[in-house]
PDB file of N, CA and C in Angstrom:
ATOM      1  N   UNK A   1     172.986 113.248  28.508  1.00  0.00           N
ATOM      2  CA  UNK A   1     172.532 111.906  28.790  1.00  0.00           C
ATOM      3  C   UNK A   1     171.305 111.998  29.693  1.00  0.00           C
ATOM      4  N   UNK A   2     170.295 111.234  29.384  1.00  0.00           N
ATOM      5  CA  UNK A   2     169.067 111.247  30.168  1.00  0.00           C
ATOM      6  C   UNK A   2     169.224 110.388  31.412  1.00  0.00           C
ATOM      7  N   UNK A   3     168.767 110.920  32.508  1.00  0.00           N
ATOM      8  CA  UNK A   3     168.750 110.129  33.734  1.00  0.00           C
ATOM      9  C   UNK A   3     167.339 109.638  33.969  1.00  0.00           C
ATOM     10  N   UNK A   4     167.225 108.439  34.455  1.00  0.00           N
ATOM     11  CA  UNK A   4     165.926 107.832  34.711  1.00  0.00           C
ATOM     12  C   UNK A   4     165.702 107.829  36.211  1.00  0.00           C
ATOM     13  N   UNK A   5     164.648 108.485  36.654  1.00  0.00           N
ATOM     14  CA  UNK A   5     164.356 108.475  38.079  1.00  0.00           C
ATOM     15  C   UNK A   5     163.623 107.189  38.448  1.00  0.00           C
ATOM     16  N   UNK A   6     163.382 107.019  39.728  1.00  0.00           N
ATOM     17  CA  UNK A   6     162.795 105.768  40.229  1.00  0.00           C
ATOM     18  C   UNK A   6     161.399 105.511  39.680  1.00  0.00           C
ATOM     19  N   UNK A   7     160.573 106.552  39.515  1.00  0.00           N
ATOM     20  CA  UNK A   7     159.215 106.348  39.021  1.00  0.00           C
ATOM     21  C   UNK A   7     159.206 105.895  37.568  1.00  0.00           C
ATOM     22  N   UNK A   8     160.059 106.501  36.745  1.00  0.00           N
ATOM     23  CA  UNK A   8     160.129 106.072  35.345  1.00  0.00           C
ATOM     24  C   UNK A   8     160.731 104.685  35.224  1.00  0.00           C
ATOM     25  N   UNK A   9     161.663 104.358  36.096  1.00  0.00           N
ATOM     26  CA  UNK A   9     162.258 103.032  36.069  1.00  0.00           C
ATOM     27  C   UNK A   9     161.227 101.976  36.437  1.00  0.00           C
ATOM     28  N   UNK A  10     160.334 102.292  37.348  1.00  0.00           N
ATOM     29  CA  UNK A  10     159.284 101.346  37.721  1.00  0.00           C
ATOM     30  C   UNK A  10     158.333 101.115  36.554  1.00  0.00           C
ATOM     31  N   UNK A  11     158.131 102.120  35.714  1.00  0.00           N
ATOM     32  CA  UNK A  11     157.272 101.952  34.549  1.00  0.00           C
ATOM     33  C   UNK A  11     157.950 101.099  33.485  1.00  0.00           C
ATOM     34  N   UNK A  12     159.284 101.195  33.375  1.00  0.00           N
ATOM     35  CA  UNK A  12     159.994 100.397  32.385  1.00  0.00           C
ATOM     36  C   UNK A  12     160.001  98.924  32.761  1.00  0.00           C
ATOM     37  N   UNK A  13     160.210  98.626  34.023  1.00  0.00           N
ATOM     38  CA  UNK A  13     160.211  97.257  34.510  1.00  0.00           C
ATOM     39  C   UNK A  13     159.178  97.137  35.623  1.00  0.00           C
ATOM     40  N   UNK A  14     157.951  96.794  35.283  1.00  0.00           N
ATOM     41  CA  UNK A  14     156.922  96.656  36.319  1.00  0.00           C
ATOM     42  C   UNK A  14     157.326  95.601  37.350  1.00  0.00           C
ATOM     43  N   UNK A  15     156.786  95.701  38.550  1.00  0.00           N
ATOM     44  CA  UNK A  15     157.176  94.775  39.616  1.00  0.00           C
ATOM     45  C   UNK A  15     156.982  93.299  39.255  1.00  0.00           C
ATOM     46  N   UNK A  16     155.898  92.971  38.562  1.00  0.00           N
ATOM     47  CA  UNK A  16     155.658  91.566  38.229  1.00  0.00           C
ATOM     48  C   UNK A  16     156.683  91.027  37.239  1.00  0.00           C
ATOM     49  N   UNK A  17     157.056  91.836  36.260  1.00  0.00           N
ATOM     50  CA  UNK A  17     158.045  91.390  35.274  1.00  0.00           C
ATOM     51  C   UNK A  17     159.402  91.207  35.944  1.00  0.00           C
ATOM     52  N   UNK A  18     159.786  92.152  36.792  1.00  0.00           N
ATOM     53  CA  UNK A  18     161.057  92.030  37.513  1.00  0.00           C
ATOM     54  C   UNK A  18     161.065  90.793  38.399  1.00  0.00           C
ATOM     55  N   UNK A  19     159.974  90.569  39.115  1.00  0.00           N
ATOM     56  CA  UNK A  19     159.886  89.395  39.974  1.00  0.00           C
ATOM     57  C   UNK A  19     159.940  88.100  39.193  1.00  0.00           C
ATOM     58  N   UNK A  20     159.268  88.057  38.038  1.00  0.00           N
ATOM     59  CA  UNK A  20     159.312  86.850  37.200  1.00  0.00           C
ATOM     60  C   UNK A  20     160.714  86.580  36.689  1.00  0.00           C
ATOM     61  N   UNK A  21     161.407  87.628  36.274  1.00  0.00           N
ATOM     62  CA  UNK A  21     162.776  87.448  35.779  1.00  0.00           C
ATOM     63  C   UNK A  21     163.661  86.891  36.886  1.00  0.00           C
ATOM     64  N   UNK A  22     163.590  87.487  38.070  1.00  0.00           N
ATOM     65  CA  UNK A  22     164.391  86.986  39.191  1.00  0.00           C
ATOM     66  C   UNK A  22     163.991  85.564  39.569  1.00  0.00           C
ATOM     67  N   UNK A  23     162.698  85.280  39.580  1.00  0.00           N
ATOM     68  CA  UNK A  23     162.237  83.941  39.960  1.00  0.00           C
ATOM     69  C   UNK A  23     162.748  82.889  38.984  1.00  0.00           C
ATOM     70  N   UNK A  24     162.707  83.179  37.693  1.00  0.00           N
ATOM     71  CA  UNK A  24     163.178  82.193  36.727  1.00  0.00           C
ATOM     72  C   UNK A  24     164.697  82.070  36.718  1.00  0.00           C
ATOM     73  N   UNK A  25     165.414  83.154  37.021  1.00  0.00           N
ATOM     74  CA  UNK A  25     166.872  83.049  37.147  1.00  0.00           C
ATOM     75  C   UNK A  25     167.234  82.173  38.341  1.00  0.00           C
ATOM     76  N   UNK A  26     166.554  82.383  39.467  1.00  0.00           N
ATOM     77  CA  UNK A  26     166.816  81.562  40.656  1.00  0.00           C
ATOM     78  C   UNK A  26     166.404  80.117  40.397  1.00  0.00           C
ATOM     79  N   UNK A  27     165.298  79.917  39.667  1.00  0.00           N
ATOM     80  CA  UNK A  27     164.876  78.558  39.346  1.00  0.00           C
ATOM     81  C   UNK A  27     165.916  77.859  38.464  1.00  0.00           C
ATOM     82  N   UNK A  28     166.470  78.580  37.498  1.00  0.00           N
ATOM     83  CA  UNK A  28     167.508  78.000  36.645  1.00  0.00           C
ATOM     84  C   UNK A  28     168.738  77.621  37.465  1.00  0.00           C
ATOM     85  N   UNK A  29     169.161  78.521  38.353  1.00  0.00           N
ATOM     86  CA  UNK A  29     170.314  78.224  39.206  1.00  0.00           C
ATOM     87  C   UNK A  29     170.016  77.059  40.145  1.00  0.00           C
ATOM     88  N   UNK A  30     168.825  77.027  40.710  1.00  0.00           N
ATOM     89  CA  UNK A  30     168.442  75.923  41.592  1.00  0.00           C
ATOM     90  C   UNK A  30     168.364  74.594  40.864  1.00  0.00           C
ATOM     91  N   UNK A  31     167.901  74.631  39.622  1.00  0.00           N
ATOM     92  CA  UNK A  31     167.847  73.406  38.827  1.00  0.00           C
ATOM     93  C   UNK A  31     169.246  72.888  38.531  1.00  0.00           C
ATOM     94  N   UNK A  32     170.159  73.796  38.208  1.00  0.00           N
ATOM     95  CA  UNK A  32     171.541  73.378  37.964  1.00  0.00           C
ATOM     96  C   UNK A  32     172.185  72.825  39.232  1.00  0.00           C
ATOM     97  N   UNK A  33     171.952  73.480  40.367  1.00  0.00           N
ATOM     98  CA  UNK A  33     172.495  72.971  41.633  1.00  0.00           C
ATOM     99  C   UNK A  33     171.904  71.608  41.988  1.00  0.00           C
ATOM    100  N   UNK A  34     170.620  71.429  41.742  1.00  0.00           N
ATOM    101  CA  UNK A  34     169.977  70.141  41.998  1.00  0.00           C
ATOM    102  C   UNK A  34     170.563  69.059  41.100  1.00  0.00           C
ATOM    103  N   UNK A  35     170.822  69.401  39.852  1.00  0.00           N
ATOM    104  CA  UNK A  35     171.413  68.434  38.921  1.00  0.00           C
ATOM    105  C   UNK A  35     172.807  68.015  39.370  1.00  0.00           C
ATOM    106  N   UNK A  36     173.615  68.999  39.774  1.00  0.00           N
ATOM    107  CA  UNK A  36     174.953  68.667  40.252  1.00  0.00           C
ATOM    108  C   UNK A  36     174.899  67.869  41.548  1.00  0.00           C
ATOM    109  N   UNK A  37     173.948  68.192  42.409  1.00  0.00           N
ATOM    110  CA  UNK A  37     173.787  67.449  43.657  1.00  0.00           C
ATOM    111  C   UNK A  37     173.431  65.992  43.371  1.00  0.00           C
ATOM    112  N   UNK A  38     172.511  65.766  42.451  1.00  0.00           N
ATOM    113  CA  UNK A  38     172.131  64.394  42.107  1.00  0.00           C
ATOM    114  C   UNK A  38     173.275  63.655  41.424  1.00  0.00           C
ATOM    115  N   UNK A  39     174.062  64.369  40.646  1.00  0.00           N
ATOM    116  CA  UNK A  39     175.182  63.753  39.939  1.00  0.00           C
ATOM    117  C   UNK A  39     176.300  63.344  40.894  1.00  0.00           C
ATOM    118  N   UNK A  40     176.603  64.203  41.861  1.00  0.00           N
ATOM    119  CA  UNK A  40     177.770  63.989  42.713  1.00  0.00           C
ATOM    120  C   UNK A  40     177.477  63.260  44.020  1.00  0.00           C
ATOM    121  N   UNK A  41     176.224  62.991  44.315  1.00  0.00           N
ATOM    122  CA  UNK A  41     175.899  62.316  45.568  1.00  0.00           C
ATOM    123  C   UNK A  41     175.247  60.965  45.284  1.00  0.00           C
ATOM    124  N   UNK A  42     175.004  60.242  46.344  1.00  0.00           N
ATOM    125  CA  UNK A  42     174.349  58.941  46.226  1.00  0.00           C
ATOM    126  C   UNK A  42     172.829  59.063  46.251  1.00  0.00           C
ATOM    127  N   UNK A  43     172.337  60.272  46.224  1.00  0.00           N
ATOM    128  CA  UNK A  43     170.899  60.498  46.273  1.00  0.00           C
ATOM    129  C   UNK A  43     170.257  59.989  44.993  1.00  0.00           C
ATOM    130  N   UNK A  44     169.192  59.244  45.157  1.00  0.00           N
ATOM    131  CA  UNK A  44     168.488  58.709  43.999  1.00  0.00           C
ATOM    132  C   UNK A  44     167.506  59.709  43.425  1.00  0.00           C
ATOM    133  N   UNK A  45     166.978  59.355  42.280  1.00  0.00           N
ATOM    134  CA  UNK A  45     166.016  60.235  41.627  1.00  0.00           C
ATOM    135  C   UNK A  45     164.649  60.209  42.298  1.00  0.00           C
ATOM    136  N   UNK A  46     164.473  59.331  43.273  1.00  0.00           N
ATOM    137  CA  UNK A  46     163.197  59.327  43.991  1.00  0.00           C
ATOM    138  C   UNK A  46     163.042  60.570  44.868  1.00  0.00           C
ATOM    139  N   UNK A  47     164.135  61.284  45.149  1.00  0.00           N
ATOM    140  CA  UNK A  47     164.082  62.540  45.904  1.00  0.00           C
ATOM    141  C   UNK A  47     163.888  63.753  45.003  1.00  0.00           C
ATOM    142  N   UNK A  48     163.790  63.540  43.703  1.00  0.00           N
ATOM    143  CA  UNK A  48     163.687  64.653  42.762  1.00  0.00           C
ATOM    144  C   UNK A  48     162.441  65.515  42.964  1.00  0.00           C
ATOM    145  N   UNK A  49     161.249  64.952  43.221  1.00  0.00           N
ATOM    146  CA  UNK A  49     160.093  65.842  43.451  1.00  0.00           C
ATOM    147  C   UNK A  49     160.274  66.772  44.652  1.00  0.00           C
ATOM    148  N   UNK A  50     160.876  66.278  45.713  1.00  0.00           N
ATOM    149  CA  UNK A  50     161.115  67.114  46.890  1.00  0.00           C
ATOM    150  C   UNK A  50     162.089  68.236  46.567  1.00  0.00           C
ATOM    151  N   UNK A  51     163.167  67.906  45.869  1.00  0.00           N
ATOM    152  CA  UNK A  51     164.145  68.923  45.489  1.00  0.00           C
ATOM    153  C   UNK A  51     163.548  69.920  44.503  1.00  0.00           C
ATOM    154  N   UNK A  52     162.680  69.444  43.637  1.00  0.00           N
ATOM    155  CA  UNK A  52     162.019  70.331  42.677  1.00  0.00           C
ATOM    156  C   UNK A  52     161.099  71.316  43.388  1.00  0.00           C
ATOM    157  N   UNK A  53     160.297  70.829  44.333  1.00  0.00           N
ATOM    158  CA  UNK A  53     159.430  71.727  45.099  1.00  0.00           C
ATOM    159  C   UNK A  53     160.249  72.729  45.905  1.00  0.00           C
ATOM    160  N   UNK A  54     161.364  72.291  46.460  1.00  0.00           N
ATOM    161  CA  UNK A  54     162.228  73.191  47.215  1.00  0.00           C
ATOM    162  C   UNK A  54     162.787  74.293  46.313  1.00  0.00           C
ATOM    163  N   UNK A  55     163.171  73.930  45.093  1.00  0.00           N
ATOM    164  CA  UNK A  55     163.659  74.916  44.129  1.00  0.00           C
ATOM    165  C   UNK A  55     162.574  75.933  43.791  1.00  0.00           C
ATOM    166  N   UNK A  56     161.352  75.460  43.575  1.00  0.00           N
ATOM    167  CA  UNK A  56     160.245  76.373  43.274  1.00  0.00           C
ATOM    168  C   UNK A  56     159.954  77.295  44.452  1.00  0.00           C
ATOM    169  N   UNK A  57     159.995  76.761  45.661  1.00  0.00           N
ATOM    170  CA  UNK A  57     159.699  77.567  46.847  1.00  0.00           C
ATOM    171  C   UNK A  57     160.726  78.682  47.013  1.00  0.00           C
ATOM    172  N   UNK A  58     162.004  78.351  46.868  1.00  0.00           N
ATOM    173  CA  UNK A  58     163.052  79.365  47.023  1.00  0.00           C
ATOM    174  C   UNK A  58     162.943  80.422  45.927  1.00  0.00           C
ATOM    175  N   UNK A  59     162.721  79.987  44.687  1.00  0.00           N
ATOM    176  CA  UNK A  59     162.634  80.963  43.597  1.00  0.00           C
ATOM    177  C   UNK A  59     161.413  81.862  43.754  1.00  0.00           C
ATOM    178  N   UNK A  60     160.303  81.323  44.237  1.00  0.00           N
ATOM    179  CA  UNK A  60     159.110  82.147  44.426  1.00  0.00           C
ATOM    180  C   UNK A  60     159.236  83.082  45.620  1.00  0.00           C
ATOM    181  N   UNK A  61     159.917  82.654  46.669  1.00  0.00           N
ATOM    182  CA  UNK A  61     160.156  83.566  47.790  1.00  0.00           C
ATOM    183  C   UNK A  61     160.983  84.762  47.339  1.00  0.00           C
ATOM    184  N   UNK A  62     162.033  84.499  46.569  1.00  0.00           N
ATOM    185  CA  UNK A  62     162.886  85.589  46.094  1.00  0.00           C
ATOM    186  C   UNK A  62     162.147  86.452  45.076  1.00  0.00           C
ATOM    187  N   UNK A  63     161.444  85.829  44.143  1.00  0.00           N
ATOM    188  CA  UNK A  63     160.673  86.597  43.168  1.00  0.00           C
ATOM    189  C   UNK A  63     159.581  87.423  43.820  1.00  0.00           C
ATOM    190  N   UNK A  64     158.881  86.857  44.799  1.00  0.00           N
ATOM    191  CA  UNK A  64     157.861  87.596  45.530  1.00  0.00           C
ATOM    192  C   UNK A  64     158.449  88.737  46.335  1.00  0.00           C
ATOM    193  N   UNK A  65     159.624  88.510  46.905  1.00  0.00           N
ATOM    194  CA  UNK A  65     160.296  89.559  47.667  1.00  0.00           C
ATOM    195  C   UNK A  65     160.659  90.729  46.756  1.00  0.00           C
ATOM    196  N   UNK A  66     161.205  90.430  45.578  1.00  0.00           N
ATOM    197  CA  UNK A  66     161.548  91.484  44.616  1.00  0.00           C
ATOM    198  C   UNK A  66     160.288  92.222  44.174  1.00  0.00           C
ATOM    199  N   UNK A  67     159.222  91.484  43.894  1.00  0.00           N
ATOM    200  CA  UNK A  67     157.971  92.103  43.460  1.00  0.00           C
ATOM    201  C   UNK A  67     157.400  93.008  44.542  1.00  0.00           C
ATOM    202  N   UNK A  68     157.375  92.535  45.772  1.00  0.00           N
ATOM    203  CA  UNK A  68     156.864  93.343  46.872  1.00  0.00           C
ATOM    204  C   UNK A  68     157.710  94.570  47.135  1.00  0.00           C
ATOM    205  N   UNK A  69     159.002  94.410  47.008  1.00  0.00           N
ATOM    206  CA  UNK A  69     159.903  95.539  47.240  1.00  0.00           C
ATOM    207  C   UNK A  69     159.726  96.619  46.176  1.00  0.00           C
ATOM    208  N   UNK A  70     159.538  96.205  44.932  1.00  0.00           N
ATOM    209  CA  UNK A  70     159.360  97.182  43.857  1.00  0.00           C
ATOM    210  C   UNK A  70     157.963  97.790  43.843  1.00  0.00           C
ATOM    211  N   UNK A  71     156.973  97.049  44.308  1.00  0.00           N
ATOM    212  CA  UNK A  71     155.609  97.579  44.280  1.00  0.00           C
ATOM    213  C   UNK A  71     155.356  98.567  45.412  1.00  0.00           C
ATOM    214  N   UNK A  72     156.039  98.411  46.537  1.00  0.00           N
ATOM    215  CA  UNK A  72     155.963  99.295  47.704  1.00  0.00           C
ATOM    216  C   UNK A  72     154.611  99.269  48.418  1.00  0.00           C
ATOM    217  N   UNK A  73     153.643  98.509  47.928  1.00  0.00           N
ATOM    218  CA  UNK A  73     152.326  98.399  48.573  1.00  0.00           C
ATOM    219  C   UNK A  73     151.675  97.110  48.099  1.00  0.00           C
ATOM    220  N   UNK A  74     150.787  96.568  48.910  1.00  0.00           N
ATOM    221  CA  UNK A  74     150.048  95.349  48.578  1.00  0.00           C
ATOM    222  C   UNK A  74     150.982  94.206  48.156  1.00  0.00           C
ATOM    223  N   UNK A  75     151.953  93.923  48.988  1.00  0.00           N
ATOM    224  CA  UNK A  75     152.923  92.886  48.665  1.00  0.00           C
ATOM    225  C   UNK A  75     152.299  91.519  48.510  1.00  0.00           C
ATOM    226  N   UNK A  76     151.310  91.202  49.332  1.00  0.00           N
ATOM    227  CA  UNK A  76     150.657  89.894  49.232  1.00  0.00           C
ATOM    228  C   UNK A  76     149.932  89.770  47.902  1.00  0.00           C
ATOM    229  N   UNK A  77     149.334  90.870  47.430  1.00  0.00           N
ATOM    230  CA  UNK A  77     148.586  90.846  46.172  1.00  0.00           C
ATOM    231  C   UNK A  77     149.530  90.658  44.987  1.00  0.00           C
ATOM    232  N   UNK A  78     150.569  91.496  44.921  1.00  0.00           N
ATOM    233  CA  UNK A  78     151.507  91.385  43.812  1.00  0.00           C
ATOM    234  C   UNK A  78     152.302  90.086  43.884  1.00  0.00           C
ATOM    235  N   UNK A  79     152.629  89.644  45.092  1.00  0.00           N
ATOM    236  CA  UNK A  79     153.303  88.363  45.238  1.00  0.00           C
ATOM    237  C   UNK A  79     152.431  87.209  44.779  1.00  0.00           C
ATOM    238  N   UNK A  80     151.150  87.242  45.149  1.00  0.00           N
ATOM    239  CA  UNK A  80     150.219  86.205  44.698  1.00  0.00           C
ATOM    240  C   UNK A  80     150.043  86.204  43.191  1.00  0.00           C
ATOM    241  N   UNK A  81     149.998  87.397  42.603  1.00  0.00           N
ATOM    242  CA  UNK A  81     149.901  87.494  41.141  1.00  0.00           C
ATOM    243  C   UNK A  81     151.150  86.919  40.477  1.00  0.00           C
ATOM    244  N   UNK A  82     152.307  87.169  41.085  1.00  0.00           N
ATOM    245  CA  UNK A  82     153.544  86.601  40.566  1.00  0.00           C
ATOM    246  C   UNK A  82     153.481  85.083  40.608  1.00  0.00           C
ATOM    247  N   UNK A  83     153.016  84.524  41.725  1.00  0.00           N
ATOM    248  CA  UNK A  83     152.900  83.073  41.839  1.00  0.00           C
ATOM    249  C   UNK A  83     151.951  82.495  40.814  1.00  0.00           C
ATOM    250  N   UNK A  84     150.863  83.191  40.554  1.00  0.00           N
ATOM    251  CA  UNK A  84     149.894  82.748  39.551  1.00  0.00           C
ATOM    252  C   UNK A  84     150.516  82.770  38.156  1.00  0.00           C
ATOM    253  N   UNK A  85     151.215  83.857  37.818  1.00  0.00           N
ATOM    254  CA  UNK A  85     151.858  83.948  36.503  1.00  0.00           C
ATOM    255  C   UNK A  85     152.949  82.889  36.345  1.00  0.00           C
ATOM    256  N   UNK A  86     153.735  82.691  37.384  1.00  0.00           N
ATOM    257  CA  UNK A  86     154.806  81.696  37.384  1.00  0.00           C
ATOM    258  C   UNK A  86     154.228  80.304  37.131  1.00  0.00           C
ATOM    259  N   UNK A  87     153.155  79.996  37.840  1.00  0.00           N
ATOM    260  CA  UNK A  87     152.535  78.678  37.720  1.00  0.00           C
ATOM    261  C   UNK A  87     151.890  78.493  36.350  1.00  0.00           C
ATOM    262  N   UNK A  88     151.266  79.533  35.815  1.00  0.00           N
ATOM    263  CA  UNK A  88     150.677  79.436  34.476  1.00  0.00           C
ATOM    264  C   UNK A  88     151.757  79.185  33.435  1.00  0.00           C
ATOM    265  N   UNK A  89     152.893  79.850  33.564  1.00  0.00           N
ATOM    266  CA  UNK A  89     154.000  79.618  32.629  1.00  0.00           C
ATOM    267  C   UNK A  89     154.496  78.184  32.745  1.00  0.00           C
ATOM    268  N   UNK A  90     154.619  77.674  33.976  1.00  0.00           N
ATOM    269  CA  UNK A  90     155.041  76.278  34.156  1.00  0.00           C
ATOM    270  C   UNK A  90     154.028  75.306  33.561  1.00  0.00           C
ATOM    271  N   UNK A  91     152.729  75.582  33.758  1.00  0.00           N
ATOM    272  CA  UNK A  91     151.687  74.728  33.179  1.00  0.00           C
ATOM    273  C   UNK A  91     151.750  74.745  31.657  1.00  0.00           C
ATOM    274  N   UNK A  92     151.967  75.924  31.067  1.00  0.00           N
ATOM    275  CA  UNK A  92     152.061  76.017  29.610  1.00  0.00           C
ATOM    276  C   UNK A  92     153.259  75.239  29.077  1.00  0.00           C
ATOM    277  N   UNK A  93     154.386  75.351  29.745  1.00  0.00           N
ATOM    278  CA  UNK A  93     155.571  74.602  29.319  1.00  0.00           C
ATOM    279  C   UNK A  93     155.323  73.105  29.444  1.00  0.00           C
ATOM    280  N   UNK A  94     154.734  72.678  30.551  1.00  0.00           N
ATOM    281  CA  UNK A  94     154.460  71.250  30.747  1.00  0.00           C
ATOM    282  C   UNK A  94     153.458  70.736  29.727  1.00  0.00           C
ATOM    283  N   UNK A  95     152.454  71.535  29.408  1.00  0.00           N
ATOM    284  CA  UNK A  95     151.439  71.109  28.444  1.00  0.00           C
ATOM    285  C   UNK A  95     152.012  71.053  27.031  1.00  0.00           C
ATOM    286  N   UNK A  96     152.752  72.076  26.640  1.00  0.00           N
ATOM    287  CA  UNK A  96     153.266  72.128  25.277  1.00  0.00           C
ATOM    288  C   UNK A  96     154.439  71.179  25.053  1.00  0.00           C
ATOM    289  N   UNK A  97     155.306  71.029  26.043  1.00  0.00           N
ATOM    290  CA  UNK A  97     156.493  70.197  25.858  1.00  0.00           C
ATOM    291  C   UNK A  97     156.241  68.727  26.174  1.00  0.00           C
ATOM    292  N   UNK A  98     155.442  68.449  27.186  1.00  0.00           N
ATOM    293  CA  UNK A  98     155.270  67.072  27.641  1.00  0.00           C
ATOM    294  C   UNK A  98     153.842  66.565  27.535  1.00  0.00           C
ATOM    295  N   UNK A  99     152.938  67.381  27.007  1.00  0.00           N
ATOM    296  CA  UNK A  99     151.527  67.029  26.865  1.00  0.00           C
ATOM    297  C   UNK A  99     150.926  66.610  28.212  1.00  0.00           C
ATOM    298  N   UNK A 100     151.333  67.312  29.263  1.00  0.00           N
ATOM    299  CA  UNK A 100     150.845  67.025  30.612  1.00  0.00           C
ATOM    300  C   UNK A 100     149.589  67.846  30.883  1.00  0.00           C
ATOM    301  N   UNK A 101     148.616  67.224  31.487  1.00  0.00           N
ATOM    302  CA  UNK A 101     147.375  67.915  31.820  1.00  0.00           C
ATOM    303  C   UNK A 101     147.342  68.322  33.275  1.00  0.00           C
ATOM    304  N   UNK A 102     146.225  68.878  33.684  1.00  0.00           N
ATOM    305  CA  UNK A 102     146.054  69.260  35.085  1.00  0.00           C
ATOM    306  C   UNK A 102     145.700  68.034  35.920  1.00  0.00           C
ATOM    307  N   UNK A 103     146.336  67.922  37.062  1.00  0.00           N
ATOM    308  CA  UNK A 103     146.031  66.854  38.009  1.00  0.00           C
ATOM    309  C   UNK A 103     146.149  67.416  39.424  1.00  0.00           C
ATOM    310  N   UNK A 104     146.012  66.572  40.409  1.00  0.00           N
ATOM    311  CA  UNK A 104     146.043  67.059  41.790  1.00  0.00           C
ATOM    312  C   UNK A 104     147.417  67.616  42.171  1.00  0.00           C
ATOM    313  N   UNK A 105     148.469  67.052  41.616  1.00  0.00           N
ATOM    314  CA  UNK A 105     149.816  67.544  41.919  1.00  0.00           C
ATOM    315  C   UNK A 105     150.015  68.961  41.370  1.00  0.00           C
ATOM    316  N   UNK A 106     149.482  69.226  40.180  1.00  0.00           N
ATOM    317  CA  UNK A 106     149.626  70.566  39.613  1.00  0.00           C
ATOM    318  C   UNK A 106     148.760  71.586  40.355  1.00  0.00           C
ATOM    319  N   UNK A 107     147.604  71.160  40.851  1.00  0.00           N
ATOM    320  CA  UNK A 107     146.776  72.056  41.657  1.00  0.00           C
ATOM    321  C   UNK A 107     147.475  72.359  42.986  1.00  0.00           C
ATOM    322  N   UNK A 108     148.140  71.369  43.563  1.00  0.00           N
ATOM    323  CA  UNK A 108     148.913  71.596  44.787  1.00  0.00           C
ATOM    324  C   UNK A 108     150.070  72.554  44.517  1.00  0.00           C
ATOM    325  N   UNK A 109     150.690  72.430  43.340  1.00  0.00           N
ATOM    326  CA  UNK A 109     151.766  73.351  42.976  1.00  0.00           C
ATOM    327  C   UNK A 109     151.233  74.774  42.842  1.00  0.00           C
ATOM    328  N   UNK A 110     150.042  74.929  42.285  1.00  0.00           N
ATOM    329  CA  UNK A 110     149.441  76.257  42.160  1.00  0.00           C
ATOM    330  C   UNK A 110     149.218  76.883  43.533  1.00  0.00           C
ATOM    331  N   UNK A 111     148.681  76.121  44.474  1.00  0.00           N
ATOM    332  CA  UNK A 111     148.484  76.637  45.827  1.00  0.00           C
ATOM    333  C   UNK A 111     149.793  76.990  46.504  1.00  0.00           C
ATOM    334  N   UNK A 112     150.803  76.146  46.310  1.00  0.00           N
ATOM    335  CA  UNK A 112     152.119  76.412  46.879  1.00  0.00           C
ATOM    336  C   UNK A 112     152.721  77.673  46.276  1.00  0.00           C
ATOM    337  N   UNK A 113     152.584  77.829  44.962  1.00  0.00           N
ATOM    338  CA  UNK A 113     153.114  79.019  44.287  1.00  0.00           C
ATOM    339  C   UNK A 113     152.454  80.288  44.801  1.00  0.00           C
ATOM    340  N   UNK A 114     151.135  80.263  44.907  1.00  0.00           N
ATOM    341  CA  UNK A 114     150.413  81.450  45.374  1.00  0.00           C
ATOM    342  C   UNK A 114     150.813  81.826  46.795  1.00  0.00           C
ATOM    343  N   UNK A 115     150.824  80.841  47.685  1.00  0.00           N
ATOM    344  CA  UNK A 115     151.133  81.119  49.092  1.00  0.00           C
ATOM    345  C   UNK A 115     152.581  81.565  49.278  1.00  0.00           C
ATOM    346  N   UNK A 116     153.510  80.877  48.626  1.00  0.00           N
ATOM    347  CA  UNK A 116     154.921  81.185  48.811  1.00  0.00           C
ATOM    348  C   UNK A 116     155.275  82.563  48.277  1.00  0.00           C
ATOM    349  N   UNK A 117     154.798  82.880  47.091  1.00  0.00           N
ATOM    350  CA  UNK A 117     155.136  84.187  46.528  1.00  0.00           C
ATOM    351  C   UNK A 117     154.410  85.317  47.261  1.00  0.00           C
ATOM    352  N   UNK A 118     153.224  85.052  47.799  1.00  0.00           N
ATOM    353  CA  UNK A 118     152.536  86.071  48.604  1.00  0.00           C
ATOM    354  C   UNK A 118     153.322  86.355  49.879  1.00  0.00           C
ATOM    355  N   UNK A 119     153.864  85.321  50.501  1.00  0.00           N
ATOM    356  CA  UNK A 119     154.702  85.512  51.692  1.00  0.00           C
ATOM    357  C   UNK A 119     155.958  86.298  51.331  1.00  0.00           C
ATOM    358  N   UNK A 120     156.571  85.969  50.191  1.00  0.00           N
ATOM    359  CA  UNK A 120     157.729  86.734  49.731  1.00  0.00           C
ATOM    360  C   UNK A 120     157.383  88.184  49.468  1.00  0.00           C
ATOM    361  N   UNK A 121     156.205  88.435  48.899  1.00  0.00           N
ATOM    362  CA  UNK A 121     155.768  89.808  48.658  1.00  0.00           C
ATOM    363  C   UNK A 121     155.555  90.580  49.945  1.00  0.00           C
ATOM    364  N   UNK A 122     155.026  89.914  50.968  1.00  0.00           N
ATOM    365  CA  UNK A 122     154.840  90.569  52.270  1.00  0.00           C
ATOM    366  C   UNK A 122     156.188  90.958  52.860  1.00  0.00           C
ATOM    367  N   UNK A 123     157.165  90.063  52.772  1.00  0.00           N
ATOM    368  CA  UNK A 123     158.500  90.388  53.270  1.00  0.00           C
ATOM    369  C   UNK A 123     159.138  91.499  52.447  1.00  0.00           C
ATOM    370  N   UNK A 124     158.891  91.501  51.136  1.00  0.00           N
ATOM    371  CA  UNK A 124     159.475  92.523  50.268  1.00  0.00           C
ATOM    372  C   UNK A 124     158.949  93.912  50.554  1.00  0.00           C
ATOM    373  N   UNK A 125     157.648  94.037  50.800  1.00  0.00           N
ATOM    374  CA  UNK A 125     157.073  95.349  51.109  1.00  0.00           C
ATOM    375  C   UNK A 125     157.621  95.870  52.428  1.00  0.00           C
ATOM    376  N   UNK A 126     157.819  94.981  53.375  1.00  0.00           N
ATOM    377  CA  UNK A 126     158.267  95.398  54.701  1.00  0.00           C
ATOM    378  C   UNK A 126     159.776  95.526  54.831  1.00  0.00           C
ATOM    379  N   UNK A 127     160.533  95.216  53.787  1.00  0.00           N
ATOM    380  CA  UNK A 127     161.984  95.381  53.852  1.00  0.00           C
ATOM    381  C   UNK A 127     162.342  96.813  53.478  1.00  0.00           C
ATOM    382  N   UNK A 128     163.385  97.315  54.076  1.00  0.00           N
ATOM    383  CA  UNK A 128     163.812  98.691  53.808  1.00  0.00           C
ATOM    384  C   UNK A 128     164.734  98.712  52.605  1.00  0.00           C
ATOM    385  N   UNK A 129     164.636  99.790  51.866  1.00  0.00           N
ATOM    386  CA  UNK A 129     165.515  99.940  50.694  1.00  0.00           C
ATOM    387  C   UNK A 129     166.795 100.606  51.092  1.00  0.00           C
TER     388      UNK A 129
END
């Protein structure tokens, strides 16, 4: 049986792909938790944008942390790239599914994604394995 060492494993799952997978898994879980929270509480849907941004922030922090931890260097760079890729995927889904264009809210989301995932990447590089 072949054993895969750490360097070959990093080539199979690059840091950005691993971070994106974790970020979207956390986003899915956060979306489900937000849905259950809205269903079971008296909170109205007017709080949905705040809860949505909170879900994105948590998922990008975790995704950036995973990316920075796997990259072992330049955590802010790889984290920022993760935020950019994450945001581009969200823009593509919004454009294709809802015919939504770019506006000031989406530009603010892009800045939030870049900053949050870069911070997560910085924490990931500095965390011990």
